[in-house]
Amino acid sequence: MDTAQVASLAGGSILADYLTPEQLAAELGIAKRTLDRWHVCRQGPPRTTIGRTPYYRRDSVEKWLADRERGFDNPSRRRRA
């Protein structure tokens, strides 16, 4: 099943809250290869695989992004020299 078929099914299906790597890469403004590299390095958002196709749950991606936020007012998150 290609991305177009998944997108057409996702409208009212169980995959409605999931993004393909191409969709997520487009939303983040990065290359799909960057997502692949993050996955290998265990740095990217969590994903699930159905068959051979990875999917990213939108809620998990939003949580992953929120966890990456860095505040300048929190001294415990500052780097030490």
PDB file of N, CA and C in Angstrom:
ATOM      1  N   MET A   1       0.850  -1.173   0.000  1.00  0.00           N
ATOM      2  CA  MET A   1       0.000   0.000   0.000  1.00  0.00           C
ATOM      3  C   MET A   1       0.893   1.233   0.000  1.00  0.00           C
ATOM      4  N   ASP A   2       0.659   2.124  -0.928  1.00  0.00           N
ATOM      5  CA  ASP A   2       1.483   3.319  -0.994  1.00  0.00           C
ATOM      6  C   ASP A   2       0.896   4.439  -0.133  1.00  0.00           C
ATOM      7  N   THR A   3       1.626   5.538  -0.067  1.00  0.00           N
ATOM      8  CA  THR A   3       1.241   6.658   0.788  1.00  0.00           C
ATOM      9  C   THR A   3      -0.116   7.248   0.398  1.00  0.00           C
ATOM     10  N   ALA A   4      -0.403   7.312  -0.880  1.00  0.00           N
ATOM     11  CA  ALA A   4      -1.683   7.874  -1.329  1.00  0.00           C
ATOM     12  C   ALA A   4      -2.851   7.012  -0.854  1.00  0.00           C
ATOM     13  N   GLN A   5      -2.689   5.698  -0.904  1.00  0.00           N
ATOM     14  CA  GLN A   5      -3.744   4.812  -0.434  1.00  0.00           C
ATOM     15  C   GLN A   5      -3.939   4.962   1.065  1.00  0.00           C
ATOM     16  N   VAL A   6      -2.843   5.053   1.803  1.00  0.00           N
ATOM     17  CA  VAL A   6      -2.941   5.227   3.250  1.00  0.00           C
ATOM     18  C   VAL A   6      -3.620   6.542   3.573  1.00  0.00           C
ATOM     19  N   ALA A   7      -3.265   7.604   2.852  1.00  0.00           N
ATOM     20  CA  ALA A   7      -3.860   8.918   3.099  1.00  0.00           C
ATOM     21  C   ALA A   7      -5.366   8.891   2.838  1.00  0.00           C
ATOM     22  N   SER A   8      -5.782   8.177   1.790  1.00  0.00           N
ATOM     23  CA  SER A   8      -7.214   8.134   1.505  1.00  0.00           C
ATOM     24  C   SER A   8      -7.958   7.316   2.551  1.00  0.00           C
ATOM     25  N   LEU A   9      -7.329   6.288   3.078  1.00  0.00           N
ATOM     26  CA  LEU A   9      -7.963   5.477   4.114  1.00  0.00           C
ATOM     27  C   LEU A   9      -7.950   6.172   5.470  1.00  0.00           C
ATOM     28  N   ALA A  10      -6.946   7.005   5.701  1.00  0.00           N
ATOM     29  CA  ALA A  10      -6.758   7.599   7.013  1.00  0.00           C
ATOM     30  C   ALA A  10      -7.845   8.595   7.385  1.00  0.00           C
ATOM     31  N   GLY A  11      -8.594   9.102   6.439  1.00  0.00           N
ATOM     32  CA  GLY A  11      -9.615  10.095   6.719  1.00  0.00           C
ATOM     33  C   GLY A  11     -10.578   9.673   7.804  1.00  0.00           C
ATOM     34  N   GLY A  12     -11.073   8.467   7.790  1.00  0.00           N
ATOM     35  CA  GLY A  12     -12.017   8.019   8.789  1.00  0.00           C
ATOM     36  C   GLY A  12     -11.640   6.658   9.340  1.00  0.00           C
ATOM     37  N   SER A  13     -10.389   6.318   9.259  1.00  0.00           N
ATOM     38  CA  SER A  13      -9.967   5.000   9.684  1.00  0.00           C
ATOM     39  C   SER A  13      -9.193   5.052  10.990  1.00  0.00           C
ATOM     40  N   ILE A  14      -8.737   3.906  11.393  1.00  0.00           N
ATOM     41  CA  ILE A  14      -7.964   3.783  12.622  1.00  0.00           C
ATOM     42  C   ILE A  14      -6.624   4.510  12.518  1.00  0.00           C
ATOM     43  N   LEU A  15      -6.166   4.765  11.295  1.00  0.00           N
ATOM     44  CA  LEU A  15      -4.891   5.461  11.088  1.00  0.00           C
ATOM     45  C   LEU A  15      -5.050   6.981  10.972  1.00  0.00           C
ATOM     46  N   ALA A  16      -6.209   7.500  11.307  1.00  0.00           N
ATOM     47  CA  ALA A  16      -6.463   8.934  11.148  1.00  0.00           C
ATOM     48  C   ALA A  16      -5.520   9.799  11.977  1.00  0.00           C
ATOM     49  N   ASP A  17      -5.070   9.319  13.126  1.00  0.00           N
ATOM     50  CA  ASP A  17      -4.196  10.106  14.000  1.00  0.00           C
ATOM     51  C   ASP A  17      -2.716   9.798  13.785  1.00  0.00           C
ATOM     52  N   TYR A  18      -2.399   9.096  12.722  1.00  0.00           N
ATOM     53  CA  TYR A  18      -1.017   8.710  12.448  1.00  0.00           C
ATOM     54  C   TYR A  18      -0.508   9.411  11.201  1.00  0.00           C
ATOM     55  N   LEU A  19       0.790   9.692  11.199  1.00  0.00           N
ATOM     56  CA  LEU A  19       1.444  10.344  10.077  1.00  0.00           C
ATOM     57  C   LEU A  19       2.442   9.388   9.447  1.00  0.00           C
ATOM     58  N   THR A  20       2.562   9.442   8.136  1.00  0.00           N
ATOM     59  CA  THR A  20       3.618   8.693   7.462  1.00  0.00           C
ATOM     60  C   THR A  20       4.918   9.484   7.615  1.00  0.00           C
ATOM     61  N   PRO A  21       6.052   8.845   7.390  1.00  0.00           N
ATOM     62  CA  PRO A  21       7.316   9.595   7.471  1.00  0.00           C
ATOM     63  C   PRO A  21       7.344  10.798   6.522  1.00  0.00           C
ATOM     64  N   GLU A  22       6.786  10.642   5.338  1.00  0.00           N
ATOM     65  CA  GLU A  22       6.764  11.758   4.396  1.00  0.00           C
ATOM     66  C   GLU A  22       5.929  12.917   4.930  1.00  0.00           C
ATOM     67  N   GLN A  23       4.787  12.615   5.524  1.00  0.00           N
ATOM     68  CA  GLN A  23       3.929  13.665   6.081  1.00  0.00           C
ATOM     69  C   GLN A  23       4.609  14.365   7.253  1.00  0.00           C
ATOM     70  N   LEU A  24       5.218  13.590   8.139  1.00  0.00           N
ATOM     71  CA  LEU A  24       5.877  14.188   9.302  1.00  0.00           C
ATOM     72  C   LEU A  24       7.080  15.021   8.872  1.00  0.00           C
ATOM     73  N   ALA A  25       7.860  14.500   7.937  1.00  0.00           N
ATOM     74  CA  ALA A  25       9.014  15.262   7.451  1.00  0.00           C
ATOM     75  C   ALA A  25       8.573  16.592   6.857  1.00  0.00           C
ATOM     76  N   ALA A  26       7.483  16.574   6.100  1.00  0.00           N
ATOM     77  CA  ALA A  26       6.972  17.816   5.511  1.00  0.00           C
ATOM     78  C   ALA A  26       6.513  18.791   6.591  1.00  0.00           C
ATOM     79  N   GLU A  27       5.838  18.295   7.622  1.00  0.00           N
ATOM     80  CA  GLU A  27       5.366  19.180   8.698  1.00  0.00           C
ATOM     81  C   GLU A  27       6.524  19.771   9.493  1.00  0.00           C
ATOM     82  N   LEU A  28       7.590  18.989   9.684  1.00  0.00           N
ATOM     83  CA  LEU A  28       8.739  19.469  10.449  1.00  0.00           C
ATOM     84  C   LEU A  28       9.724  20.252   9.585  1.00  0.00           C
ATOM     85  N   GLY A  29       9.561  20.196   8.277  1.00  0.00           N
ATOM     86  CA  GLY A  29      10.476  20.894   7.380  1.00  0.00           C
ATOM     87  C   GLY A  29      11.843  20.237   7.309  1.00  0.00           C
ATOM     88  N   ILE A  30      11.875  18.921   7.388  1.00  0.00           N
ATOM     89  CA  ILE A  30      13.131  18.175   7.328  1.00  0.00           C
ATOM     90  C   ILE A  30      13.012  17.104   6.247  1.00  0.00           C
ATOM     91  N   ALA A  31      14.122  16.460   5.948  1.00  0.00           N
ATOM     92  CA  ALA A  31      14.119  15.365   4.984  1.00  0.00           C
ATOM     93  C   ALA A  31      13.673  14.073   5.655  1.00  0.00           C
ATOM     94  N   LYS A  32      13.087  13.195   4.885  1.00  0.00           N
ATOM     95  CA  LYS A  32      12.686  11.885   5.405  1.00  0.00           C
ATOM     96  C   LYS A  32      13.907  11.122   5.918  1.00  0.00           C
ATOM     97  N   ARG A  33      15.027  11.305   5.271  1.00  0.00           N
ATOM     98  CA  ARG A  33      16.266  10.641   5.728  1.00  0.00           C
ATOM     99  C   ARG A  33      16.657  11.076   7.136  1.00  0.00           C
ATOM    100  N   THR A  34      16.349  12.303   7.500  1.00  0.00           N
ATOM    101  CA  THR A  34      16.628  12.775   8.852  1.00  0.00           C
ATOM    102  C   THR A  34      15.820  11.972   9.862  1.00  0.00           C
ATOM    103  N   LEU A  35      14.543  11.713   9.567  1.00  0.00           N
ATOM    104  CA  LEU A  35      13.723  10.873  10.447  1.00  0.00           C
ATOM    105  C   LEU A  35      14.317   9.481  10.572  1.00  0.00           C
ATOM    106  N   ASP A  36      14.770   8.931   9.444  1.00  0.00           N
ATOM    107  CA  ASP A  36      15.394   7.603   9.468  1.00  0.00           C
ATOM    108  C   ASP A  36      16.640   7.605  10.337  1.00  0.00           C
ATOM    109  N   ARG A  37      17.455   8.634  10.208  1.00  0.00           N
ATOM    110  CA  ARG A  37      18.687   8.742  10.997  1.00  0.00           C
ATOM    111  C   ARG A  37      18.363   8.897  12.483  1.00  0.00           C
ATOM    112  N   TRP A  38      17.372   9.715  12.803  1.00  0.00           N
ATOM    113  CA  TRP A  38      16.970   9.874  14.202  1.00  0.00           C
ATOM    114  C   TRP A  38      16.507   8.553  14.782  1.00  0.00           C
ATOM    115  N   HIS A  39      15.786   7.769  13.984  1.00  0.00           N
ATOM    116  CA  HIS A  39      15.304   6.484  14.473  1.00  0.00           C
ATOM    117  C   HIS A  39      16.478   5.552  14.796  1.00  0.00           C
ATOM    118  N   VAL A  40      17.460   5.490  13.922  1.00  0.00           N
ATOM    119  CA  VAL A  40      18.626   4.636  14.142  1.00  0.00           C
ATOM    120  C   VAL A  40      19.391   5.078  15.392  1.00  0.00           C
ATOM    121  N   CYS A  41      19.484   6.386  15.597  1.00  0.00           N
ATOM    122  CA  CYS A  41      20.206   6.933  16.764  1.00  0.00           C
ATOM    123  C   CYS A  41      19.330   7.012  18.010  1.00  0.00           C
ATOM    124  N   ARG A  42      18.058   6.616  17.890  1.00  0.00           N
ATOM    125  CA  ARG A  42      17.094   6.674  18.995  1.00  0.00           C
ATOM    126  C   ARG A  42      16.924   8.091  19.538  1.00  0.00           C
ATOM    127  N   GLN A  43      16.862   9.050  18.625  1.00  0.00           N
ATOM    128  CA  GLN A  43      16.695  10.453  19.009  1.00  0.00           C
ATOM    129  C   GLN A  43      15.354  11.022  18.582  1.00  0.00           C
ATOM    130  N   GLY A  44      14.701  10.395  17.643  1.00  0.00           N
ATOM    131  CA  GLY A  44      13.482  10.942  17.067  1.00  0.00           C
ATOM    132  C   GLY A  44      12.238  10.574  17.833  1.00  0.00           C
ATOM    133  N   PRO A  45      11.109  10.991  17.303  1.00  0.00           N
ATOM    134  CA  PRO A  45       9.840  10.675  17.951  1.00  0.00           C
ATOM    135  C   PRO A  45       9.556   9.172  17.861  1.00  0.00           C
ATOM    136  N   PRO A  46       8.802   8.645  18.815  1.00  0.00           N
ATOM    137  CA  PRO A  46       8.473   7.218  18.766  1.00  0.00           C
ATOM    138  C   PRO A  46       7.610   6.907  17.552  1.00  0.00           C
ATOM    139  N   ARG A  47       7.769   5.688  17.055  1.00  0.00           N
ATOM    140  CA  ARG A  47       6.983   5.288  15.901  1.00  0.00           C
ATOM    141  C   ARG A  47       6.569   3.835  16.027  1.00  0.00           C
ATOM    142  N   THR A  48       5.587   3.477  15.264  1.00  0.00           N
ATOM    143  CA  THR A  48       5.133   2.099  15.203  1.00  0.00           C
ATOM    144  C   THR A  48       5.213   1.664  13.748  1.00  0.00           C
ATOM    145  N   THR A  49       5.384   0.380  13.538  1.00  0.00           N
ATOM    146  CA  THR A  49       5.511  -0.135  12.184  1.00  0.00           C
ATOM    147  C   THR A  49       4.393  -1.122  11.902  1.00  0.00           C
ATOM    148  N   ILE A  50       3.731  -0.943  10.782  1.00  0.00           N
ATOM    149  CA  ILE A  50       2.706  -1.870  10.320  1.00  0.00           C
ATOM    150  C   ILE A  50       3.223  -2.430   9.006  1.00  0.00           C
ATOM    151  N   GLY A  51       3.500  -3.708   8.998  1.00  0.00           N
ATOM    152  CA  GLY A  51       4.174  -4.296   7.846  1.00  0.00           C
ATOM    153  C   GLY A  51       5.586  -3.750   7.819  1.00  0.00           C
ATOM    154  N   ARG A  52       5.906  -3.052   6.758  1.00  0.00           N
ATOM    155  CA  ARG A  52       7.226  -2.411   6.662  1.00  0.00           C
ATOM    156  C   ARG A  52       7.127  -0.897   6.694  1.00  0.00           C
ATOM    157  N   THR A  53       5.934  -0.389   6.930  1.00  0.00           N
ATOM    158  CA  THR A  53       5.719   1.054   6.907  1.00  0.00           C
ATOM    159  C   THR A  53       5.672   1.625   8.314  1.00  0.00           C
ATOM    160  N   PRO A  54       6.570   2.579   8.617  1.00  0.00           N
ATOM    161  CA  PRO A  54       6.510   3.229   9.926  1.00  0.00           C
ATOM    162  C   PRO A  54       5.428   4.312   9.944  1.00  0.00           C
ATOM    163  N   TYR A  55       4.825   4.492  11.109  1.00  0.00           N
ATOM    164  CA  TYR A  55       3.820   5.536  11.325  1.00  0.00           C
ATOM    165  C   TYR A  55       4.134   6.240  12.630  1.00  0.00           C
ATOM    166  N   TYR A  56       3.855   7.536  12.656  1.00  0.00           N
ATOM    167  CA  TYR A  56       4.077   8.355  13.840  1.00  0.00           C
ATOM    168  C   TYR A  56       2.732   8.842  14.343  1.00  0.00           C
ATOM    169  N   ARG A  57       2.428   8.580  15.608  1.00  0.00           N
ATOM    170  CA  ARG A  57       1.179   9.062  16.183  1.00  0.00           C
ATOM    171  C   ARG A  57       1.337  10.542  16.498  1.00  0.00           C
ATOM    172  N   ARG A  58       0.386  11.338  16.055  1.00  0.00           N
ATOM    173  CA  ARG A  58       0.484  12.792  16.210  1.00  0.00           C
ATOM    174  C   ARG A  58       0.675  13.214  17.671  1.00  0.00           C
ATOM    175  N   ASP A  59      -0.052  12.595  18.601  1.00  0.00           N
ATOM    176  CA  ASP A  59       0.088  12.936  20.024  1.00  0.00           C
ATOM    177  C   ASP A  59       1.504  12.658  20.522  1.00  0.00           C
ATOM    178  N   SER A  60       2.092  11.555  20.096  1.00  0.00           N
ATOM    179  CA  SER A  60       3.451  11.205  20.522  1.00  0.00           C
ATOM    180  C   SER A  60       4.477  12.183  19.956  1.00  0.00           C
ATOM    181  N   VAL A  61       4.263  12.612  18.728  1.00  0.00           N
ATOM    182  CA  VAL A  61       5.167  13.589  18.120  1.00  0.00           C
ATOM    183  C   VAL A  61       5.072  14.919  18.861  1.00  0.00           C
ATOM    184  N   GLU A  62       3.852  15.340  19.202  1.00  0.00           N
ATOM    185  CA  GLU A  62       3.684  16.591  19.942  1.00  0.00           C
ATOM    186  C   GLU A  62       4.344  16.516  21.310  1.00  0.00           C
ATOM    187  N   LYS A  63       4.229  15.383  21.992  1.00  0.00           N
ATOM    188  CA  LYS A  63       4.881  15.206  23.286  1.00  0.00           C
ATOM    189  C   LYS A  63       6.402  15.226  23.124  1.00  0.00           C
ATOM    190  N   TRP A  64       6.903  14.560  22.099  1.00  0.00           N
ATOM    191  CA  TRP A  64       8.341  14.529  21.835  1.00  0.00           C
ATOM    192  C   TRP A  64       8.862  15.951  21.592  1.00  0.00           C
ATOM    193  N   LEU A  65       8.118  16.742  20.825  1.00  0.00           N
ATOM    194  CA  LEU A  65       8.518  18.122  20.584  1.00  0.00           C
ATOM    195  C   LEU A  65       8.510  18.935  21.873  1.00  0.00           C
ATOM    196  N   ALA A  66       7.479  18.763  22.685  1.00  0.00           N
ATOM    197  CA  ALA A  66       7.394  19.499  23.950  1.00  0.00           C
ATOM    198  C   ALA A  66       8.547  19.122  24.879  1.00  0.00           C
ATOM    199  N   ASP A  67       8.933  17.853  24.890  1.00  0.00           N
ATOM    200  CA  ASP A  67      10.043  17.413  25.727  1.00  0.00           C
ATOM    201  C   ASP A  67      11.372  17.990  25.266  1.00  0.00           C
ATOM    202  N   ARG A  68      11.465  18.383  24.015  1.00  0.00           N
ATOM    203  CA  ARG A  68      12.705  18.950  23.481  1.00  0.00           C
ATOM    204  C   ARG A  68      12.816  20.456  23.705  1.00  0.00           C
ATOM    205  N   GLU A  69      11.750  21.074  24.214  1.00  0.00           N
ATOM    206  CA  GLU A  69      11.798  22.518  24.466  1.00  0.00           C
ATOM    207  C   GLU A  69      12.836  22.809  25.534  1.00  0.00           C
ATOM    208  N   ARG A  70      13.534  23.891  25.312  1.00  0.00           N
ATOM    209  CA  ARG A  70      14.556  24.282  26.280  1.00  0.00           C
ATOM    210  C   ARG A  70      14.242  25.678  26.779  1.00  0.00           C
ATOM    211  N   GLY A  71      14.150  25.780  28.082  1.00  0.00           N
ATOM    212  CA  GLY A  71      13.883  27.079  28.679  1.00  0.00           C
ATOM    213  C   GLY A  71      15.159  27.651  29.279  1.00  0.00           C
ATOM    214  N   PHE A  72      15.299  28.946  29.189  1.00  0.00           N
ATOM    215  CA  PHE A  72      16.486  29.590  29.736  1.00  0.00           C
ATOM    216  C   PHE A  72      16.315  29.926  31.208  1.00  0.00           C
ATOM    217  N   ASP A  73      15.099  29.763  31.706  1.00  0.00           N
ATOM    218  CA  ASP A  73      14.856  30.087  33.097  1.00  0.00           C
ATOM    219  C   ASP A  73      15.010  28.879  34.013  1.00  0.00           C
ATOM    220  N   ASN A  74      15.249  27.707  33.466  1.00  0.00           N
ATOM    221  CA  ASN A  74      15.387  26.488  34.259  1.00  0.00           C
ATOM    222  C   ASN A  74      16.863  26.131  34.375  1.00  0.00           C
ATOM    223  N   PRO A  75      17.517  26.415  35.527  1.00  0.00           N
ATOM    224  CA  PRO A  75      18.963  26.189  35.654  1.00  0.00           C
ATOM    225  C   PRO A  75      19.338  24.703  35.582  1.00  0.00           C
ATOM    226  N   SER A  76      18.438  23.788  35.874  1.00  0.00           N
ATOM    227  CA  SER A  76      18.792  22.372  35.856  1.00  0.00           C
ATOM    228  C   SER A  76      19.002  21.855  34.430  1.00  0.00           C
ATOM    229  N   ARG A  77      18.523  22.572  33.446  1.00  0.00           N
ATOM    230  CA  ARG A  77      18.662  22.125  32.053  1.00  0.00           C
ATOM    231  C   ARG A  77      19.819  22.822  31.348  1.00  0.00           C
ATOM    232  N   ARG A  78      20.526  23.705  32.035  1.00  0.00           N
ATOM    233  CA  ARG A  78      21.631  24.404  31.419  1.00  0.00           C
ATOM    234  C   ARG A  78      22.842  23.507  31.330  1.00  0.00           C
ATOM    235  N   ARG A  79      23.597  23.706  30.263  1.00  0.00           N
ATOM    236  CA  ARG A  79      24.839  22.942  30.107  1.00  0.00           C
ATOM    237  C   ARG A  79      25.912  23.537  31.001  1.00  0.00           C
ATOM    238  N   ARG A  80      26.746  22.667  31.471  1.00  0.00           N
ATOM    239  CA  ARG A  80      27.866  23.116  32.297  1.00  0.00           C
ATOM    240  C   ARG A  80      29.144  23.012  31.504  1.00  0.00           C
ATOM    241  N   ALA A  81      30.026  23.960  31.714  1.00  0.00           N
ATOM    242  CA  ALA A  81      31.301  23.980  30.983  1.00  0.00           C
ATOM    243  C   ALA A  81      32.277  22.975  31.541  1.00  0.00           C
TER     244      ALA A  81
END
